[in-house]
């Protein structure tokens, strides 16, 4: 499935495209921290899903998350990407640790 951005993006293999949840501004002692100083929350909504990874026999192992699922992923998993001035994260399916319901 492709994204709903101006630029179409179709993840390959077992990759998943995620739009990170917007983090609210954090204030400490009256100081507003810029985005670069805040720890990013590793949660977001899935925008596109690849077809799945192939096993040794060539059979495609389906991915068990779907577009629209809210998920959490490993802190150091994924690749930050920017498309049409929007920031996204491309992660491997194995890096997704939970579906948030």
PDB file of N, CA and C in Angstrom:
ATOM      1  N   UNK A   1       0.840  -1.170   0.000  1.00  0.00           N
ATOM      2  CA  UNK A   1       0.000   0.000   0.000  1.00  0.00           C
ATOM      3  C   UNK A   1       0.885   1.233   0.000  1.00  0.00           C
ATOM      4  N   UNK A   2       0.489   2.292  -0.688  1.00  0.00           N
ATOM      5  CA  UNK A   2       1.291   3.507  -0.776  1.00  0.00           C
ATOM      6  C   UNK A   2       0.790   4.555   0.198  1.00  0.00           C
ATOM      7  N   UNK A   3       1.609   5.584   0.412  1.00  0.00           N
ATOM      8  CA  UNK A   3       1.248   6.655   1.335  1.00  0.00           C
ATOM      9  C   UNK A   3       0.271   7.619   0.693  1.00  0.00           C
ATOM     10  N   UNK A   4      -0.292   8.495   1.520  1.00  0.00           N
ATOM     11  CA  UNK A   4      -1.197   9.528   1.018  1.00  0.00           C
ATOM     12  C   UNK A   4      -0.478  10.869   0.909  1.00  0.00           C
ATOM     13  N   UNK A   5       0.822  10.838   0.698  1.00  0.00           N
ATOM     14  CA  UNK A   5       1.597  12.051   0.510  1.00  0.00           C
ATOM     15  C   UNK A   5       1.601  12.397  -0.970  1.00  0.00           C
ATOM     16  N   UNK A   6       2.104  13.585  -1.300  1.00  0.00           N
ATOM     17  CA  UNK A   6       2.200  13.967  -2.710  1.00  0.00           C
ATOM     18  C   UNK A   6       3.119  13.005  -3.451  1.00  0.00           C
ATOM     19  N   UNK A   7       4.231  12.660  -2.815  1.00  0.00           N
ATOM     20  CA  UNK A   7       5.160  11.697  -3.378  1.00  0.00           C
ATOM     21  C   UNK A   7       4.719  10.306  -2.948  1.00  0.00           C
ATOM     22  N   UNK A   8       4.508   9.415  -3.888  1.00  0.00           N
ATOM     23  CA  UNK A   8       4.087   8.065  -3.533  1.00  0.00           C
ATOM     24  C   UNK A   8       5.294   7.258  -3.078  1.00  0.00           C
ATOM     25  N   UNK A   9       5.108   6.515  -2.010  1.00  0.00           N
ATOM     26  CA  UNK A   9       6.171   5.712  -1.452  1.00  0.00           C
ATOM     27  C   UNK A   9       5.609   4.350  -1.110  1.00  0.00           C
ATOM     28  N   UNK A  10       6.227   3.300  -1.629  1.00  0.00           N
ATOM     29  CA  UNK A  10       5.785   1.936  -1.377  1.00  0.00           C
ATOM     30  C   UNK A  10       6.920   1.183  -0.702  1.00  0.00           C
ATOM     31  N   UNK A  11       6.766   0.870   0.597  1.00  0.00           N
ATOM     32  CA  UNK A  11       7.821   0.133   1.298  1.00  0.00           C
ATOM     33  C   UNK A  11       8.055  -1.236   0.666  1.00  0.00           C
ATOM     34  N   UNK A  12       9.304  -1.667   0.671  1.00  0.00           N
ATOM     35  CA  UNK A  12       9.668  -2.968   0.137  1.00  0.00           C
ATOM     36  C   UNK A  12       9.830  -3.981   1.263  1.00  0.00           C
ATOM     37  N   UNK A  13       9.728  -5.244   0.919  1.00  0.00           N
ATOM     38  CA  UNK A  13       9.968  -6.352   1.839  1.00  0.00           C
ATOM     39  C   UNK A  13       9.158  -6.195   3.127  1.00  0.00           C
ATOM     40  N   UNK A  14       9.846  -6.242   4.272  1.00  0.00           N
ATOM     41  CA  UNK A  14       9.142  -6.178   5.557  1.00  0.00           C
ATOM     42  C   UNK A  14       9.262  -4.798   6.196  1.00  0.00           C
ATOM     43  N   UNK A  15       9.299  -3.761   5.378  1.00  0.00           N
ATOM     44  CA  UNK A  15       9.399  -2.395   5.876  1.00  0.00           C
ATOM     45  C   UNK A  15       8.016  -1.789   6.097  1.00  0.00           C
ATOM     46  N   UNK A  16       7.953  -0.857   7.057  1.00  0.00           N
ATOM     47  CA  UNK A  16       6.700  -0.187   7.409  1.00  0.00           C
ATOM     48  C   UNK A  16       6.987   1.309   7.516  1.00  0.00           C
ATOM     49  N   UNK A  17       6.156   2.152   6.884  1.00  0.00           N
ATOM     50  CA  UNK A  17       6.300   3.599   6.951  1.00  0.00           C
ATOM     51  C   UNK A  17       5.385   4.133   8.045  1.00  0.00           C
ATOM     52  N   UNK A  18       5.962   4.909   8.966  1.00  0.00           N
ATOM     53  CA  UNK A  18       5.225   5.405  10.125  1.00  0.00           C
ATOM     54  C   UNK A  18       5.338   6.921  10.210  1.00  0.00           C
ATOM     55  N   UNK A  19       4.234   7.567  10.537  1.00  0.00           N
ATOM     56  CA  UNK A  19       4.218   9.004  10.853  1.00  0.00           C
ATOM     57  C   UNK A  19       4.289   9.103  12.359  1.00  0.00           C
ATOM     58  N   UNK A  20       5.378   9.669  12.874  1.00  0.00           N
ATOM     59  CA  UNK A  20       5.587   9.786  14.321  1.00  0.00           C
ATOM     60  C   UNK A  20       4.520  10.714  14.923  1.00  0.00           C
ATOM     61  N   UNK A  21       4.017  10.346  16.123  1.00  0.00           N
ATOM     62  CA  UNK A  21       3.093  11.205  16.843  1.00  0.00           C
ATOM     63  C   UNK A  21       3.783  12.514  17.178  1.00  0.00           C
ATOM     64  N   UNK A  22       3.036  13.603  17.104  1.00  0.00           N
ATOM     65  CA  UNK A  22       3.586  14.905  17.481  1.00  0.00           C
ATOM     66  C   UNK A  22       3.772  14.927  18.987  1.00  0.00           C
ATOM     67  N   UNK A  23       4.950  15.336  19.423  1.00  0.00           N
ATOM     68  CA  UNK A  23       5.183  15.446  20.860  1.00  0.00           C
ATOM     69  C   UNK A  23       4.816  16.858  21.300  1.00  0.00           C
ATOM     70  N   UNK A  24       4.221  16.944  22.459  1.00  0.00           N
ATOM     71  CA  UNK A  24       3.852  18.242  22.996  1.00  0.00           C
ATOM     72  C   UNK A  24       5.102  18.916  23.538  1.00  0.00           C
ATOM     73  N   UNK A  25       5.083  20.261  23.549  1.00  0.00           N
ATOM     74  CA  UNK A  25       6.223  20.988  24.084  1.00  0.00           C
ATOM     75  C   UNK A  25       6.427  20.635  25.544  1.00  0.00           C
ATOM     76  N   UNK A  26       7.660  20.455  25.927  1.00  0.00           N
ATOM     77  CA  UNK A  26       7.971  20.167  27.316  1.00  0.00           C
ATOM     78  C   UNK A  26       8.584  21.406  27.934  1.00  0.00           C
ATOM     79  N   UNK A  27       8.142  21.718  29.144  1.00  0.00           N
ATOM     80  CA  UNK A  27       8.682  22.867  29.854  1.00  0.00           C
ATOM     81  C   UNK A  27       9.336  22.404  31.140  1.00  0.00           C
ATOM     82  N   UNK A  28      10.517  22.912  31.403  1.00  0.00           N
ATOM     83  CA  UNK A  28      11.232  22.620  32.628  1.00  0.00           C
ATOM     84  C   UNK A  28      11.670  23.941  33.233  1.00  0.00           C
ATOM     85  N   UNK A  29      11.145  24.266  34.417  1.00  0.00           N
ATOM     86  CA  UNK A  29      11.534  25.502  35.085  1.00  0.00           C
ATOM     87  C   UNK A  29      11.251  26.740  34.266  1.00  0.00           C
ATOM     88  N   UNK A  30      10.179  26.740  33.494  1.00  0.00           N
ATOM     89  CA  UNK A  30       9.817  27.896  32.689  1.00  0.00           C
ATOM     90  C   UNK A  30      10.496  27.947  31.331  1.00  0.00           C
ATOM     91  N   UNK A  31      11.412  27.025  31.070  1.00  0.00           N
ATOM     92  CA  UNK A  31      12.102  26.992  29.776  1.00  0.00           C
ATOM     93  C   UNK A  31      11.383  26.047  28.826  1.00  0.00           C
ATOM     94  N   UNK A  32      11.181  26.479  27.608  1.00  0.00           N
ATOM     95  CA  UNK A  32      10.586  25.618  26.587  1.00  0.00           C
ATOM     96  C   UNK A  32      11.729  24.984  25.814  1.00  0.00           C
ATOM     97  N   UNK A  33      11.759  23.667  25.784  1.00  0.00           N
ATOM     98  CA  UNK A  33      12.829  22.955  25.090  1.00  0.00           C
ATOM     99  C   UNK A  33      12.514  22.834  23.603  1.00  0.00           C
ATOM    100  N   UNK A  34      13.498  23.097  22.752  1.00  0.00           N
ATOM    101  CA  UNK A  34      13.267  22.890  21.318  1.00  0.00           C
ATOM    102  C   UNK A  34      13.137  21.401  21.019  1.00  0.00           C
ATOM    103  N   UNK A  35      12.574  21.081  19.858  1.00  0.00           N
ATOM    104  CA  UNK A  35      12.382  19.678  19.462  1.00  0.00           C
ATOM    105  C   UNK A  35      13.673  18.882  19.533  1.00  0.00           C
ATOM    106  N   UNK A  36      14.785  19.509  19.173  1.00  0.00           N
ATOM    107  CA  UNK A  36      16.052  18.781  19.149  1.00  0.00           C
ATOM    108  C   UNK A  36      16.506  18.361  20.541  1.00  0.00           C
ATOM    109  N   UNK A  37      16.045  19.038  21.584  1.00  0.00           N
ATOM    110  CA  UNK A  37      16.459  18.706  22.946  1.00  0.00           C
ATOM    111  C   UNK A  37      15.484  17.757  23.637  1.00  0.00           C
ATOM    112  N   UNK A  38      14.313  17.555  23.038  1.00  0.00           N
ATOM    113  CA  UNK A  38      13.322  16.679  23.637  1.00  0.00           C
ATOM    114  C   UNK A  38      13.558  15.248  23.186  1.00  0.00           C
ATOM    115  N   UNK A  39      13.290  14.310  24.086  1.00  0.00           N
ATOM    116  CA  UNK A  39      13.374  12.914  23.670  1.00  0.00           C
ATOM    117  C   UNK A  39      12.126  12.601  22.862  1.00  0.00           C
ATOM    118  N   UNK A  40      12.306  11.989  21.716  1.00  0.00           N
ATOM    119  CA  UNK A  40      11.168  11.700  20.847  1.00  0.00           C
ATOM    120  C   UNK A  40      10.469  10.436  21.299  1.00  0.00           C
ATOM    121  N   UNK A  41       9.180  10.485  21.225  1.00  0.00           N
ATOM    122  CA  UNK A  41       8.363   9.333  21.580  1.00  0.00           C
ATOM    123  C   UNK A  41       8.352   8.382  20.394  1.00  0.00           C
ATOM    124  N   UNK A  42       8.662   7.138  20.629  1.00  0.00           N
ATOM    125  CA  UNK A  42       8.729   6.172  19.544  1.00  0.00           C
ATOM    126  C   UNK A  42       7.371   5.515  19.321  1.00  0.00           C
ATOM    127  N   UNK A  43       6.381   6.367  19.035  1.00  0.00           N
ATOM    128  CA  UNK A  43       5.029   5.912  18.742  1.00  0.00           C
ATOM    129  C   UNK A  43       4.522   6.673  17.528  1.00  0.00           C
ATOM    130  N   UNK A  44       3.675   6.009  16.740  1.00  0.00           N
ATOM    131  CA  UNK A  44       3.131   6.671  15.576  1.00  0.00           C
ATOM    132  C   UNK A  44       2.073   5.822  14.901  1.00  0.00           C
ATOM    133  N   UNK A  45       1.611   6.314  13.757  1.00  0.00           N
ATOM    134  CA  UNK A  45       0.564   5.638  12.992  1.00  0.00           C
ATOM    135  C   UNK A  45       1.163   5.127  11.682  1.00  0.00           C
ATOM    136  N   UNK A  46       0.778   3.913  11.317  1.00  0.00           N
ATOM    137  CA  UNK A  46       1.298   3.290  10.090  1.00  0.00           C
ATOM    138  C   UNK A  46       0.583   3.883   8.875  1.00  0.00           C
ATOM    139  N   UNK A  47       1.402   4.325   7.903  1.00  0.00           N
ATOM    140  CA  UNK A  47       0.869   4.896   6.662  1.00  0.00           C
ATOM    141  C   UNK A  47       0.978   3.947   5.477  1.00  0.00           C
ATOM    142  N   UNK A  48       1.971   3.070   5.501  1.00  0.00           N
ATOM    143  CA  UNK A  48       2.160   2.125   4.393  1.00  0.00           C
ATOM    144  C   UNK A  48       2.911   0.906   4.898  1.00  0.00           C
ATOM    145  N   UNK A  49       2.614  -0.251   4.287  1.00  0.00           N
ATOM    146  CA  UNK A  49       3.202  -1.523   4.701  1.00  0.00           C
ATOM    147  C   UNK A  49       3.703  -2.259   3.462  1.00  0.00           C
ATOM    148  N   UNK A  50       4.910  -2.813   3.565  1.00  0.00           N
ATOM    149  CA  UNK A  50       5.459  -3.624   2.474  1.00  0.00           C
ATOM    150  C   UNK A  50       4.745  -4.966   2.394  1.00  0.00           C
ATOM    151  N   UNK A  51       5.036  -5.758   1.363  1.00  0.00           N
ATOM    152  CA  UNK A  51       4.354  -7.037   1.167  1.00  0.00           C
ATOM    153  C   UNK A  51       4.762  -8.123   2.163  1.00  0.00           C
ATOM    154  N   UNK A  52       5.940  -8.008   2.757  1.00  0.00           N
ATOM    155  CA  UNK A  52       6.418  -9.024   3.691  1.00  0.00           C
ATOM    156  C   UNK A  52       7.745  -9.603   3.231  1.00  0.00           C
ATOM    157  N   UNK A  53       8.432 -10.260   4.150  1.00  0.00           N
ATOM    158  CA  UNK A  53       9.744 -10.845   3.859  1.00  0.00           C
ATOM    159  C   UNK A  53       9.553 -12.275   3.368  1.00  0.00           C
ATOM    160  N   UNK A  54      10.447 -12.717   2.493  1.00  0.00           N
ATOM    161  CA  UNK A  54      10.381 -14.093   1.989  1.00  0.00           C
ATOM    162  C   UNK A  54      11.193 -15.021   2.879  1.00  0.00           C
ATOM    163  N   UNK A  55      10.665 -16.237   3.101  1.00  0.00           N
ATOM    164  CA  UNK A  55      11.415 -17.239   3.863  1.00  0.00           C
ATOM    165  C   UNK A  55      12.346 -17.999   2.917  1.00  0.00           C
ATOM    166  N   UNK A  56      13.018 -19.025   3.427  1.00  0.00           N
ATOM    167  CA  UNK A  56      13.999 -19.771   2.625  1.00  0.00           C
ATOM    168  C   UNK A  56      13.376 -20.491   1.435  1.00  0.00           C
ATOM    169  N   UNK A  57      12.082 -20.819   1.531  1.00  0.00           N
ATOM    170  CA  UNK A  57      11.397 -21.499   0.431  1.00  0.00           C
ATOM    171  C   UNK A  57      10.800 -20.511  -0.572  1.00  0.00           C
ATOM    172  N   UNK A  58      10.962 -19.208  -0.337  1.00  0.00           N
ATOM    173  CA  UNK A  58      10.438 -18.202  -1.250  1.00  0.00           C
ATOM    174  C   UNK A  58       9.013 -17.786  -0.955  1.00  0.00           C
ATOM    175  N   UNK A  59       8.433 -18.298   0.120  1.00  0.00           N
ATOM    176  CA  UNK A  59       7.070 -17.919   0.501  1.00  0.00           C
ATOM    177  C   UNK A  59       7.100 -16.585   1.247  1.00  0.00           C
ATOM    178  N   UNK A  60       6.160 -15.710   0.948  1.00  0.00           N
ATOM    179  CA  UNK A  60       6.098 -14.412   1.607  1.00  0.00           C
ATOM    180  C   UNK A  60       5.466 -14.570   2.985  1.00  0.00           C
ATOM    181  N   UNK A  61       6.162 -14.090   3.998  1.00  0.00           N
ATOM    182  CA  UNK A  61       5.634 -14.094   5.369  1.00  0.00           C
ATOM    183  C   UNK A  61       4.873 -12.782   5.536  1.00  0.00           C
ATOM    184  N   UNK A  62       3.552 -12.833   5.692  1.00  0.00           N
ATOM    185  CA  UNK A  62       2.760 -11.598   5.764  1.00  0.00           C
ATOM    186  C   UNK A  62       3.073 -10.787   7.024  1.00  0.00           C
ATOM    187  N   UNK A  63       2.894  -9.478   6.906  1.00  0.00           N
ATOM    188  CA  UNK A  63       3.096  -8.564   8.027  1.00  0.00           C
ATOM    189  C   UNK A  63       1.772  -8.449   8.779  1.00  0.00           C
ATOM    190  N   UNK A  64       1.835  -8.520  10.106  1.00  0.00           N
ATOM    191  CA  UNK A  64       0.608  -8.576  10.913  1.00  0.00           C
ATOM    192  C   UNK A  64       0.170  -7.225  11.465  1.00  0.00           C
ATOM    193  N   UNK A  65       0.662  -6.138  10.876  1.00  0.00           N
ATOM    194  CA  UNK A  65       0.144  -4.809  11.196  1.00  0.00           C
ATOM    195  C   UNK A  65      -0.447  -4.243   9.916  1.00  0.00           C
ATOM    196  N   UNK A  66      -1.298  -3.234  10.058  1.00  0.00           N
ATOM    197  CA  UNK A  66      -1.977  -2.690   8.888  1.00  0.00           C
ATOM    198  C   UNK A  66      -1.947  -1.163   8.919  1.00  0.00           C
ATOM    199  N   UNK A  67      -2.218  -0.575   7.780  1.00  0.00           N
ATOM    200  CA  UNK A  67      -2.312   0.875   7.680  1.00  0.00           C
ATOM    201  C   UNK A  67      -3.374   1.355   8.677  1.00  0.00           C
ATOM    202  N   UNK A  68      -3.025   2.386   9.439  1.00  0.00           N
ATOM    203  CA  UNK A  68      -3.943   2.937  10.436  1.00  0.00           C
ATOM    204  C   UNK A  68      -3.667   2.467  11.853  1.00  0.00           C
ATOM    205  N   UNK A  69      -2.871   1.388  12.009  1.00  0.00           N
ATOM    206  CA  UNK A  69      -2.524   0.910  13.350  1.00  0.00           C
ATOM    207  C   UNK A  69      -1.590   1.911  14.030  1.00  0.00           C
ATOM    208  N   UNK A  70      -1.800   2.118  15.323  1.00  0.00           N
ATOM    209  CA  UNK A  70      -0.897   2.925  16.142  1.00  0.00           C
ATOM    210  C   UNK A  70       0.095   1.958  16.777  1.00  0.00           C
ATOM    211  N   UNK A  71       1.392   2.215  16.597  1.00  0.00           N
ATOM    212  CA  UNK A  71       2.410   1.265  17.037  1.00  0.00           C
ATOM    213  C   UNK A  71       3.529   1.955  17.811  1.00  0.00           C
ATOM    214  N   UNK A  72       4.297   1.124  18.521  1.00  0.00           N
ATOM    215  CA  UNK A  72       5.531   1.539  19.171  1.00  0.00           C
ATOM    216  C   UNK A  72       6.653   0.720  18.549  1.00  0.00           C
ATOM    217  N   UNK A  73       7.861   1.304  18.449  1.00  0.00           N
ATOM    218  CA  UNK A  73       8.988   0.572  17.889  1.00  0.00           C
ATOM    219  C   UNK A  73      10.228   0.799  18.743  1.00  0.00           C
ATOM    220  N   UNK A  74      11.234  -0.045  18.507  1.00  0.00           N
ATOM    221  CA  UNK A  74      12.495   0.041  19.247  1.00  0.00           C
ATOM    222  C   UNK A  74      13.090   1.435  19.130  1.00  0.00           C
ATOM    223  N   UNK A  75      13.684   1.886  20.218  1.00  0.00           N
ATOM    224  CA  UNK A  75      14.265   3.225  20.269  1.00  0.00           C
ATOM    225  C   UNK A  75      15.258   3.474  19.139  1.00  0.00           C
ATOM    226  N   UNK A  76      16.119   2.509  18.854  1.00  0.00           N
ATOM    227  CA  UNK A  76      17.132   2.716  17.828  1.00  0.00           C
ATOM    228  C   UNK A  76      16.766   2.060  16.501  1.00  0.00           C
ATOM    229  N   UNK A  77      15.528   1.620  16.359  1.00  0.00           N
ATOM    230  CA  UNK A  77      15.089   1.008  15.116  1.00  0.00           C
ATOM    231  C   UNK A  77      14.609   2.070  14.137  1.00  0.00           C
ATOM    232  N   UNK A  78      14.743   1.794  12.875  1.00  0.00           N
ATOM    233  CA  UNK A  78      14.169   2.657  11.859  1.00  0.00           C
ATOM    234  C   UNK A  78      15.119   3.681  11.283  1.00  0.00           C
ATOM    235  N   UNK A  79      14.668   4.253  10.193  1.00  0.00           N
ATOM    236  CA  UNK A  79      15.419   5.266   9.464  1.00  0.00           C
ATOM    237  C   UNK A  79      14.535   6.500   9.328  1.00  0.00           C
ATOM    238  N   UNK A  80      15.005   7.641   9.824  1.00  0.00           N
ATOM    239  CA  UNK A  80      14.269   8.895   9.687  1.00  0.00           C
ATOM    240  C   UNK A  80      14.338   9.333   8.228  1.00  0.00           C
ATOM    241  N   UNK A  81      13.187   9.676   7.648  1.00  0.00           N
ATOM    242  CA  UNK A  81      13.157  10.175   6.274  1.00  0.00           C
ATOM    243  C   UNK A  81      12.225  11.378   6.204  1.00  0.00           C
ATOM    244  N   UNK A  82      12.416  12.195   5.179  1.00  0.00           N
ATOM    245  CA  UNK A  82      11.588  13.373   4.977  1.00  0.00           C
ATOM    246  C   UNK A  82      11.035  13.335   3.559  1.00  0.00           C
ATOM    247  N   UNK A  83       9.706  13.469   3.448  1.00  0.00           N
ATOM    248  CA  UNK A  83       9.031  13.463   2.149  1.00  0.00           C
ATOM    249  C   UNK A  83       8.087  14.646   2.122  1.00  0.00           C
ATOM    250  N   UNK A  84       8.174  15.480   1.098  1.00  0.00           N
ATOM    251  CA  UNK A  84       7.297  16.642   0.959  1.00  0.00           C
ATOM    252  C   UNK A  84       7.281  17.489   2.235  1.00  0.00           C
ATOM    253  N   UNK A  85       8.457  17.709   2.818  1.00  0.00           N
ATOM    254  CA  UNK A  85       8.627  18.509   4.036  1.00  0.00           C
ATOM    255  C   UNK A  85       7.918  17.930   5.255  1.00  0.00           C
ATOM    256  N   UNK A  86       7.635  16.643   5.258  1.00  0.00           N
ATOM    257  CA  UNK A  86       7.062  15.943   6.406  1.00  0.00           C
ATOM    258  C   UNK A  86       8.060  14.875   6.835  1.00  0.00           C
ATOM    259  N   UNK A  87       8.163  14.659   8.147  1.00  0.00           N
ATOM    260  CA  UNK A  87       9.094  13.666   8.671  1.00  0.00           C
ATOM    261  C   UNK A  87       8.383  12.347   8.960  1.00  0.00           C
ATOM    262  N   UNK A  88       9.045  11.253   8.580  1.00  0.00           N
ATOM    263  CA  UNK A  88       8.514   9.910   8.764  1.00  0.00           C
ATOM    264  C   UNK A  88       9.622   9.005   9.280  1.00  0.00           C
ATOM    265  N   UNK A  89       9.243   7.793   9.670  1.00  0.00           N
ATOM    266  CA  UNK A  89      10.206   6.784  10.083  1.00  0.00           C
ATOM    267  C   UNK A  89       9.896   5.509   9.300  1.00  0.00           C
ATOM    268  N   UNK A  90      10.938   4.915   8.691  1.00  0.00           N
ATOM    269  CA  UNK A  90      10.796   3.640   7.997  1.00  0.00           C
ATOM    270  C   UNK A  90      11.438   2.588   8.894  1.00  0.00           C
ATOM    271  N   UNK A  91      10.651   1.616   9.350  1.00  0.00           N
ATOM    272  CA  UNK A  91      11.177   0.590  10.253  1.00  0.00           C
ATOM    273  C   UNK A  91      10.950  -0.797   9.658  1.00  0.00           C
ATOM    274  N   UNK A  92      11.772  -1.737  10.088  1.00  0.00           N
ATOM    275  CA  UNK A  92      11.524  -3.130   9.743  1.00  0.00           C
ATOM    276  C   UNK A  92      10.404  -3.634  10.642  1.00  0.00           C
ATOM    277  N   UNK A  93       9.617  -4.564  10.127  1.00  0.00           N
ATOM    278  CA  UNK A  93       8.512  -5.120  10.903  1.00  0.00           C
ATOM    279  C   UNK A  93       9.000  -5.672  12.238  1.00  0.00           C
ATOM    280  N   UNK A  94      10.177  -6.306  12.260  1.00  0.00           N
ATOM    281  CA  UNK A  94      10.718  -6.886  13.493  1.00  0.00           C
ATOM    282  C   UNK A  94      11.019  -5.841  14.560  1.00  0.00           C
ATOM    283  N   UNK A  95      11.173  -4.563  14.167  1.00  0.00           N
ATOM    284  CA  UNK A  95      11.453  -3.498  15.135  1.00  0.00           C
ATOM    285  C   UNK A  95      10.193  -2.967  15.814  1.00  0.00           C
ATOM    286  N   UNK A  96       9.022  -3.339  15.319  1.00  0.00           N
ATOM    287  CA  UNK A  96       7.766  -2.917  15.951  1.00  0.00           C
ATOM    288  C   UNK A  96       7.562  -3.786  17.180  1.00  0.00           C
ATOM    289  N   UNK A  97       7.373  -3.132  18.336  1.00  0.00           N
ATOM    290  CA  UNK A  97       7.275  -3.892  19.593  1.00  0.00           C
ATOM    291  C   UNK A  97       5.850  -4.006  20.119  1.00  0.00           C
ATOM    292  N   UNK A  98       4.926  -3.146  19.648  1.00  0.00           N
ATOM    293  CA  UNK A  98       3.551  -3.222  20.161  1.00  0.00           C
ATOM    294  C   UNK A  98       2.594  -2.464  19.280  1.00  0.00           C
ATOM    295  N   UNK A  99       1.335  -2.913  19.279  1.00  0.00           N
ATOM    296  CA  UNK A  99       0.237  -2.149  18.689  1.00  0.00           C
ATOM    297  C   UNK A  99      -0.467  -1.475  19.859  1.00  0.00           C
ATOM    298  N   UNK A 100      -0.668  -0.175  19.763  1.00  0.00           N
ATOM    299  CA  UNK A 100      -1.320   0.588  20.834  1.00  0.00           C
ATOM    300  C   UNK A 100      -2.805   0.647  20.531  1.00  0.00           C
ATOM    301  N   UNK A 101      -3.610   0.130  21.448  1.00  0.00           N
ATOM    302  CA  UNK A 101      -5.072   0.122  21.226  1.00  0.00           C
ATOM    303  C   UNK A 101      -5.773   1.087  22.138  1.00  0.00           C
TER     304      UNK A 101
END
